[in-house]
């Protein structure tokens, strides 16, 4: 299970929030022992883009061999 304050990777596009698969967020609340998560997505300068309730299937843990990439929000 993913714990609070862990970073996660979005596994689906969320165009209503300008978020794409692969964007990184931070779990701020775990729902029902991991069935879902409240996840905060921020810009690289620390501005909150969105705080969203997501199903566990919509996020995954960050792997050891992954690297972040910057992009401009649309």
PDB file of N, CA and C in Angstrom:
ATOM      1  N   UNK A   1       0.839  -1.188   0.000  1.00  0.00           N
ATOM      2  CA  UNK A   1       0.000   0.000   0.000  1.00  0.00           C
ATOM      3  C   UNK A   1       0.885   1.253   0.000  1.00  0.00           C
ATOM      4  N   UNK A   2       0.431   2.260  -0.667  1.00  0.00           N
ATOM      5  CA  UNK A   2       1.121   3.548  -0.713  1.00  0.00           C
ATOM      6  C   UNK A   2       0.756   4.316   0.561  1.00  0.00           C
ATOM      7  N   UNK A   3       1.730   4.937   1.179  1.00  0.00           N
ATOM      8  CA  UNK A   3       1.512   5.654   2.438  1.00  0.00           C
ATOM      9  C   UNK A   3       1.367   7.156   2.205  1.00  0.00           C
ATOM     10  N   UNK A   4       0.817   7.845   3.209  1.00  0.00           N
ATOM     11  CA  UNK A   4       0.730   9.300   3.149  1.00  0.00           C
ATOM     12  C   UNK A   4       2.127   9.894   3.004  1.00  0.00           C
ATOM     13  N   UNK A   5       2.210  10.956   2.229  1.00  0.00           N
ATOM     14  CA  UNK A   5       3.417  11.717   1.921  1.00  0.00           C
ATOM     15  C   UNK A   5       4.354  11.026   0.939  1.00  0.00           C
ATOM     16  N   UNK A   6       3.971   9.870   0.418  1.00  0.00           N
ATOM     17  CA  UNK A   6       4.754   9.242  -0.649  1.00  0.00           C
ATOM     18  C   UNK A   6       4.401   9.894  -1.975  1.00  0.00           C
ATOM     19  N   UNK A   7       5.389   9.960  -2.844  1.00  0.00           N
ATOM     20  CA  UNK A   7       5.135  10.455  -4.199  1.00  0.00           C
ATOM     21  C   UNK A   7       4.638   9.307  -5.064  1.00  0.00           C
ATOM     22  N   UNK A   8       3.726   9.638  -5.981  1.00  0.00           N
ATOM     23  CA  UNK A   8       3.132   8.636  -6.866  1.00  0.00           C
ATOM     24  C   UNK A   8       3.104   9.161  -8.291  1.00  0.00           C
ATOM     25  N   UNK A   9       2.909   8.244  -9.226  1.00  0.00           N
ATOM     26  CA  UNK A   9       2.829   8.576 -10.644  1.00  0.00           C
ATOM     27  C   UNK A   9       1.396   8.369 -11.113  1.00  0.00           C
ATOM     28  N   UNK A  10       0.864   9.337 -11.814  1.00  0.00           N
ATOM     29  CA  UNK A  10      -0.487   9.254 -12.373  1.00  0.00           C
ATOM     30  C   UNK A  10      -0.484   8.259 -13.534  1.00  0.00           C
ATOM     31  N   UNK A  11      -1.472   7.367 -13.580  1.00  0.00           N
ATOM     32  CA  UNK A  11      -1.521   6.342 -14.629  1.00  0.00           C
ATOM     33  C   UNK A  11      -2.593   6.619 -15.676  1.00  0.00           C
ATOM     34  N   UNK A  12      -3.253   7.747 -15.586  1.00  0.00           N
ATOM     35  CA  UNK A  12      -4.296   8.106 -16.546  1.00  0.00           C
ATOM     36  C   UNK A  12      -4.296   9.615 -16.751  1.00  0.00           C
ATOM     37  N   UNK A  13      -4.672  10.055 -17.939  1.00  0.00           N
ATOM     38  CA  UNK A  13      -4.798  11.491 -18.194  1.00  0.00           C
ATOM     39  C   UNK A  13      -6.009  12.042 -17.454  1.00  0.00           C
ATOM     40  N   UNK A  14      -5.873  13.251 -16.922  1.00  0.00           N
ATOM     41  CA  UNK A  14      -6.981  13.977 -16.294  1.00  0.00           C
ATOM     42  C   UNK A  14      -7.046  15.371 -16.916  1.00  0.00           C
ATOM     43  N   UNK A  15      -7.573  15.468 -18.155  1.00  0.00           N
ATOM     44  CA  UNK A  15      -7.541  16.742 -18.880  1.00  0.00           C
ATOM     45  C   UNK A  15      -8.277  17.878 -18.175  1.00  0.00           C
ATOM     46  N   UNK A  16      -9.260  17.545 -17.350  1.00  0.00           N
ATOM     47  CA  UNK A  16      -9.990  18.597 -16.638  1.00  0.00           C
ATOM     48  C   UNK A  16      -9.113  19.326 -15.622  1.00  0.00           C
ATOM     49  N   UNK A  17      -7.975  18.719 -15.270  1.00  0.00           N
ATOM     50  CA  UNK A  17      -6.998  19.329 -14.358  1.00  0.00           C
ATOM     51  C   UNK A  17      -5.679  19.632 -15.066  1.00  0.00           C
ATOM     52  N   UNK A  18      -5.617  19.459 -16.379  1.00  0.00           N
ATOM     53  CA  UNK A  18      -4.391  19.617 -17.182  1.00  0.00           C
ATOM     54  C   UNK A  18      -3.291  18.661 -16.742  1.00  0.00           C
ATOM     55  N   UNK A  19      -3.665  17.476 -16.245  1.00  0.00           N
ATOM     56  CA  UNK A  19      -2.702  16.481 -15.804  1.00  0.00           C
ATOM     57  C   UNK A  19      -2.642  15.337 -16.804  1.00  0.00           C
ATOM     58  N   UNK A  20      -1.434  14.770 -16.955  1.00  0.00           N
ATOM     59  CA  UNK A  20      -1.214  13.694 -17.914  1.00  0.00           C
ATOM     60  C   UNK A  20      -0.614  12.474 -17.219  1.00  0.00           C
ATOM     61  N   UNK A  21      -0.797  11.336 -17.862  1.00  0.00           N
ATOM     62  CA  UNK A  21      -0.145  10.117 -17.406  1.00  0.00           C
ATOM     63  C   UNK A  21       1.343  10.398 -17.226  1.00  0.00           C
ATOM     64  N   UNK A  22       1.886   9.976 -16.091  1.00  0.00           N
ATOM     65  CA  UNK A  22       3.298  10.199 -15.800  1.00  0.00           C
ATOM     66  C   UNK A  22       3.562  11.373 -14.885  1.00  0.00           C
ATOM     67  N   UNK A  23       2.570  12.259 -14.691  1.00  0.00           N
ATOM     68  CA  UNK A  23       2.766  13.369 -13.759  1.00  0.00           C
ATOM     69  C   UNK A  23       2.910  12.825 -12.339  1.00  0.00           C
ATOM     70  N   UNK A  24       3.689  13.528 -11.528  1.00  0.00           N
ATOM     71  CA  UNK A  24       4.009  13.075 -10.172  1.00  0.00           C
ATOM     72  C   UNK A  24       3.240  13.914  -9.153  1.00  0.00           C
ATOM     73  N   UNK A  25       2.652  13.219  -8.182  1.00  0.00           N
ATOM     74  CA  UNK A  25       1.934  13.892  -7.108  1.00  0.00           C
ATOM     75  C   UNK A  25       2.339  13.305  -5.764  1.00  0.00           C
ATOM     76  N   UNK A  26       1.821  13.903  -4.703  1.00  0.00           N
ATOM     77  CA  UNK A  26       2.098  13.454  -3.346  1.00  0.00           C
ATOM     78  C   UNK A  26       0.804  13.033  -2.674  1.00  0.00           C
ATOM     79  N   UNK A  27       0.787  11.857  -2.088  1.00  0.00           N
ATOM     80  CA  UNK A  27      -0.400  11.369  -1.371  1.00  0.00           C
ATOM     81  C   UNK A  27      -0.536  12.165  -0.078  1.00  0.00           C
ATOM     82  N   UNK A  28      -1.674  12.815   0.099  1.00  0.00           N
ATOM     83  CA  UNK A  28      -1.917  13.577   1.321  1.00  0.00           C
ATOM     84  C   UNK A  28      -2.925  12.881   2.235  1.00  0.00           C
ATOM     85  N   UNK A  29      -3.627  11.874   1.715  1.00  0.00           N
ATOM     86  CA  UNK A  29      -4.586  11.119   2.527  1.00  0.00           C
ATOM     87  C   UNK A  29      -4.835   9.767   1.868  1.00  0.00           C
ATOM     88  N   UNK A  30      -4.859   8.721   2.669  1.00  0.00           N
ATOM     89  CA  UNK A  30      -5.164   7.373   2.181  1.00  0.00           C
ATOM     90  C   UNK A  30      -6.609   7.073   2.524  1.00  0.00           C
ATOM     91  N   UNK A  31      -7.409   6.655   1.525  1.00  0.00           N
ATOM     92  CA  UNK A  31      -8.814   6.313   1.722  1.00  0.00           C
ATOM     93  C   UNK A  31      -8.975   4.801   1.842  1.00  0.00           C
ATOM     94  N   UNK A  32      -9.746   4.366   2.794  1.00  0.00           N
ATOM     95  CA  UNK A  32     -10.152   2.970   2.966  1.00  0.00           C
ATOM     96  C   UNK A  32      -8.997   1.988   2.768  1.00  0.00           C
ATOM     97  N   UNK A  33      -7.944   2.197   3.522  1.00  0.00           N
ATOM     98  CA  UNK A  33      -6.785   1.299   3.543  1.00  0.00           C
ATOM     99  C   UNK A  33      -6.198   1.033   2.154  1.00  0.00           C
ATOM    100  N   UNK A  34      -6.162   2.072   1.318  1.00  0.00           N
ATOM    101  CA  UNK A  34      -5.503   1.967   0.024  1.00  0.00           C
ATOM    102  C   UNK A  34      -6.412   1.772  -1.174  1.00  0.00           C
ATOM    103  N   UNK A  35      -7.730   1.816  -0.976  1.00  0.00           N
ATOM    104  CA  UNK A  35      -8.632   1.721  -2.127  1.00  0.00           C
ATOM    105  C   UNK A  35      -8.599   2.993  -2.964  1.00  0.00           C
ATOM    106  N   UNK A  36      -8.200   4.083  -2.328  1.00  0.00           N
ATOM    107  CA  UNK A  36      -8.098   5.355  -3.020  1.00  0.00           C
ATOM    108  C   UNK A  36      -7.172   6.282  -2.273  1.00  0.00           C
ATOM    109  N   UNK A  37      -6.849   7.408  -2.925  1.00  0.00           N
ATOM    110  CA  UNK A  37      -5.900   8.361  -2.353  1.00  0.00           C
ATOM    111  C   UNK A  37      -6.317   9.782  -2.692  1.00  0.00           C
ATOM    112  N   UNK A  38      -6.042  10.688  -1.784  1.00  0.00           N
ATOM    113  CA  UNK A  38      -6.122  12.116  -2.061  1.00  0.00           C
ATOM    114  C   UNK A  38      -4.704  12.514  -2.446  1.00  0.00           C
ATOM    115  N   UNK A  39      -4.543  13.048  -3.659  1.00  0.00           N
ATOM    116  CA  UNK A  39      -3.199  13.317  -4.181  1.00  0.00           C
ATOM    117  C   UNK A  39      -3.097  14.790  -4.572  1.00  0.00           C
ATOM    118  N   UNK A  40      -2.000  15.418  -4.131  1.00  0.00           N
ATOM    119  CA  UNK A  40      -1.734  16.810  -4.493  1.00  0.00           C
ATOM    120  C   UNK A  40      -0.703  16.833  -5.619  1.00  0.00           C
ATOM    121  N   UNK A  41      -1.026  17.574  -6.666  1.00  0.00           N
ATOM    122  CA  UNK A  41      -0.112  17.783  -7.792  1.00  0.00           C
ATOM    123  C   UNK A  41       0.329  19.236  -7.752  1.00  0.00           C
ATOM    124  N   UNK A  42       1.649  19.443  -7.874  1.00  0.00           N
ATOM    125  CA  UNK A  42       2.216  20.782  -7.754  1.00  0.00           C
ATOM    126  C   UNK A  42       3.158  21.073  -8.912  1.00  0.00           C
ATOM    127  N   UNK A  43       3.355  22.372  -9.176  1.00  0.00           N
ATOM    128  CA  UNK A  43       4.384  22.773 -10.134  1.00  0.00           C
ATOM    129  C   UNK A  43       5.745  22.586  -9.475  1.00  0.00           C
ATOM    130  N   UNK A  44       6.797  22.696 -10.247  1.00  0.00           N
ATOM    131  CA  UNK A  44       8.145  22.544  -9.697  1.00  0.00           C
ATOM    132  C   UNK A  44       8.522  23.668  -8.738  1.00  0.00           C
ATOM    133  N   UNK A  45       7.786  24.780  -8.782  1.00  0.00           N
ATOM    134  CA  UNK A  45       8.048  25.882  -7.856  1.00  0.00           C
ATOM    135  C   UNK A  45       7.160  25.823  -6.619  1.00  0.00           C
ATOM    136  N   UNK A  46       6.343  24.775  -6.508  1.00  0.00           N
ATOM    137  CA  UNK A  46       5.554  24.575  -5.297  1.00  0.00           C
ATOM    138  C   UNK A  46       4.134  25.084  -5.313  1.00  0.00           C
ATOM    139  N   UNK A  47       3.635  25.522  -6.448  1.00  0.00           N
ATOM    140  CA  UNK A  47       2.241  25.968  -6.538  1.00  0.00           C
ATOM    141  C   UNK A  47       1.338  24.768  -6.779  1.00  0.00           C
ATOM    142  N   UNK A  48       0.282  24.666  -5.976  1.00  0.00           N
ATOM    143  CA  UNK A  48      -0.656  23.558  -6.126  1.00  0.00           C
ATOM    144  C   UNK A  48      -1.435  23.695  -7.431  1.00  0.00           C
ATOM    145  N   UNK A  49      -1.442  22.626  -8.205  1.00  0.00           N
ATOM    146  CA  UNK A  49      -2.230  22.564  -9.442  1.00  0.00           C
ATOM    147  C   UNK A  49      -3.606  21.998  -9.120  1.00  0.00           C
ATOM    148  N   UNK A  50      -3.637  20.902  -8.335  1.00  0.00           N
ATOM    149  CA  UNK A  50      -4.904  20.261  -7.980  1.00  0.00           C
ATOM    150  C   UNK A  50      -4.680  19.302  -6.823  1.00  0.00           C
ATOM    151  N   UNK A  51      -5.732  19.130  -6.034  1.00  0.00           N
ATOM    152  CA  UNK A  51      -5.782  18.079  -5.019  1.00  0.00           C
ATOM    153  C   UNK A  51      -6.995  17.236  -5.390  1.00  0.00           C
ATOM    154  N   UNK A  52      -6.754  15.963  -5.704  1.00  0.00           N
ATOM    155  CA  UNK A  52      -7.794  15.137  -6.313  1.00  0.00           C
ATOM    156  C   UNK A  52      -7.906  13.801  -5.591  1.00  0.00           C
ATOM    157  N   UNK A  53      -9.139  13.331  -5.421  1.00  0.00           N
ATOM    158  CA  UNK A  53      -9.373  11.974  -4.922  1.00  0.00           C
ATOM    159  C   UNK A  53      -9.279  11.019  -6.102  1.00  0.00           C
ATOM    160  N   UNK A  54      -8.421  10.009  -5.983  1.00  0.00           N
ATOM    161  CA  UNK A  54      -8.187   9.070  -7.069  1.00  0.00           C
ATOM    162  C   UNK A  54      -8.328   7.639  -6.582  1.00  0.00           C
ATOM    163  N   UNK A  55      -8.762   6.754  -7.475  1.00  0.00           N
ATOM    164  CA  UNK A  55      -8.782   5.330  -7.173  1.00  0.00           C
ATOM    165  C   UNK A  55      -7.343   4.806  -7.204  1.00  0.00           C
ATOM    166  N   UNK A  56      -7.092   3.711  -6.515  1.00  0.00           N
ATOM    167  CA  UNK A  56      -5.744   3.149  -6.484  1.00  0.00           C
ATOM    168  C   UNK A  56      -5.248   2.779  -7.886  1.00  0.00           C
ATOM    169  N   UNK A  57      -6.154   2.475  -8.800  1.00  0.00           N
ATOM    170  CA  UNK A  57      -5.765   2.125 -10.168  1.00  0.00           C
ATOM    171  C   UNK A  57      -5.286   3.334 -10.975  1.00  0.00           C
ATOM    172  N   UNK A  58      -5.487   4.540 -10.458  1.00  0.00           N
ATOM    173  CA  UNK A  58      -5.108   5.752 -11.175  1.00  0.00           C
ATOM    174  C   UNK A  58      -3.726   6.268 -10.803  1.00  0.00           C
ATOM    175  N   UNK A  59      -3.090   5.627  -9.827  1.00  0.00           N
ATOM    176  CA  UNK A  59      -1.733   6.003  -9.425  1.00  0.00           C
ATOM    177  C   UNK A  59      -0.908   4.750  -9.177  1.00  0.00           C
ATOM    178  N   UNK A  60       0.406   4.931  -9.183  1.00  0.00           N
ATOM    179  CA  UNK A  60       1.307   3.828  -8.867  1.00  0.00           C
ATOM    180  C   UNK A  60       2.523   4.405  -8.161  1.00  0.00           C
ATOM    181  N   UNK A  61       3.241   3.561  -7.427  1.00  0.00           N
ATOM    182  CA  UNK A  61       4.468   4.036  -6.782  1.00  0.00           C
ATOM    183  C   UNK A  61       5.518   4.401  -7.821  1.00  0.00           C
ATOM    184  N   UNK A  62       6.458   5.234  -7.430  1.00  0.00           N
ATOM    185  CA  UNK A  62       7.580   5.584  -8.296  1.00  0.00           C
ATOM    186  C   UNK A  62       8.606   4.458  -8.241  1.00  0.00           C
ATOM    187  N   UNK A  63       9.094   4.053  -9.402  1.00  0.00           N
ATOM    188  CA  UNK A  63      10.097   2.994  -9.481  1.00  0.00           C
ATOM    189  C   UNK A  63      11.504   3.519  -9.244  1.00  0.00           C
ATOM    190  N   UNK A  64      12.393   2.625  -8.887  1.00  0.00           N
ATOM    191  CA  UNK A  64      13.786   2.981  -8.587  1.00  0.00           C
ATOM    192  C   UNK A  64      14.547   3.496  -9.805  1.00  0.00           C
ATOM    193  N   UNK A  65      14.144   3.129 -10.997  1.00  0.00           N
ATOM    194  CA  UNK A  65      14.890   3.482 -12.203  1.00  0.00           C
ATOM    195  C   UNK A  65      14.157   4.509 -13.056  1.00  0.00           C
ATOM    196  N   UNK A  66      13.373   5.387 -12.427  1.00  0.00           N
ATOM    197  CA  UNK A  66      12.633   6.416 -13.162  1.00  0.00           C
ATOM    198  C   UNK A  66      13.246   7.786 -12.918  1.00  0.00           C
ATOM    199  N   UNK A  67      13.071   8.671 -13.896  1.00  0.00           N
ATOM    200  CA  UNK A  67      13.573  10.032 -13.800  1.00  0.00           C
ATOM    201  C   UNK A  67      12.426  10.986 -14.164  1.00  0.00           C
ATOM    202  N   UNK A  68      12.360  12.123 -13.480  1.00  0.00           N
ATOM    203  CA  UNK A  68      11.305  13.110 -13.742  1.00  0.00           C
ATOM    204  C   UNK A  68      11.660  13.954 -14.967  1.00  0.00           C
ATOM    205  N   UNK A  69      10.620  14.493 -15.594  1.00  0.00           N
ATOM    206  CA  UNK A  69      10.794  15.361 -16.751  1.00  0.00           C
ATOM    207  C   UNK A  69       9.853  16.542 -16.593  1.00  0.00           C
ATOM    208  N   UNK A  70      10.316  17.741 -16.874  1.00  0.00           N
ATOM    209  CA  UNK A  70       9.486  18.940 -16.743  1.00  0.00           C
ATOM    210  C   UNK A  70       8.683  19.171 -18.015  1.00  0.00           C
ATOM    211  N   UNK A  71       7.489  19.749 -17.851  1.00  0.00           N
ATOM    212  CA  UNK A  71       6.646  20.167 -18.970  1.00  0.00           C
ATOM    213  C   UNK A  71       5.830  21.379 -18.538  1.00  0.00           C
ATOM    214  N   UNK A  72       5.364  22.153 -19.483  1.00  0.00           N
ATOM    215  CA  UNK A  72       4.550  23.333 -19.209  1.00  0.00           C
ATOM    216  C   UNK A  72       3.090  22.897 -19.186  1.00  0.00           C
ATOM    217  N   UNK A  73       2.329  23.347 -18.174  1.00  0.00           N
ATOM    218  CA  UNK A  73       0.898  23.038 -18.115  1.00  0.00           C
ATOM    219  C   UNK A  73       0.171  23.724 -19.258  1.00  0.00           C
ATOM    220  N   UNK A  74      -0.802  23.025 -19.810  1.00  0.00           N
ATOM    221  CA  UNK A  74      -1.601  23.606 -20.895  1.00  0.00           C
ATOM    222  C   UNK A  74      -2.878  24.184 -20.353  1.00  0.00           C
TER     223      UNK A  74
END
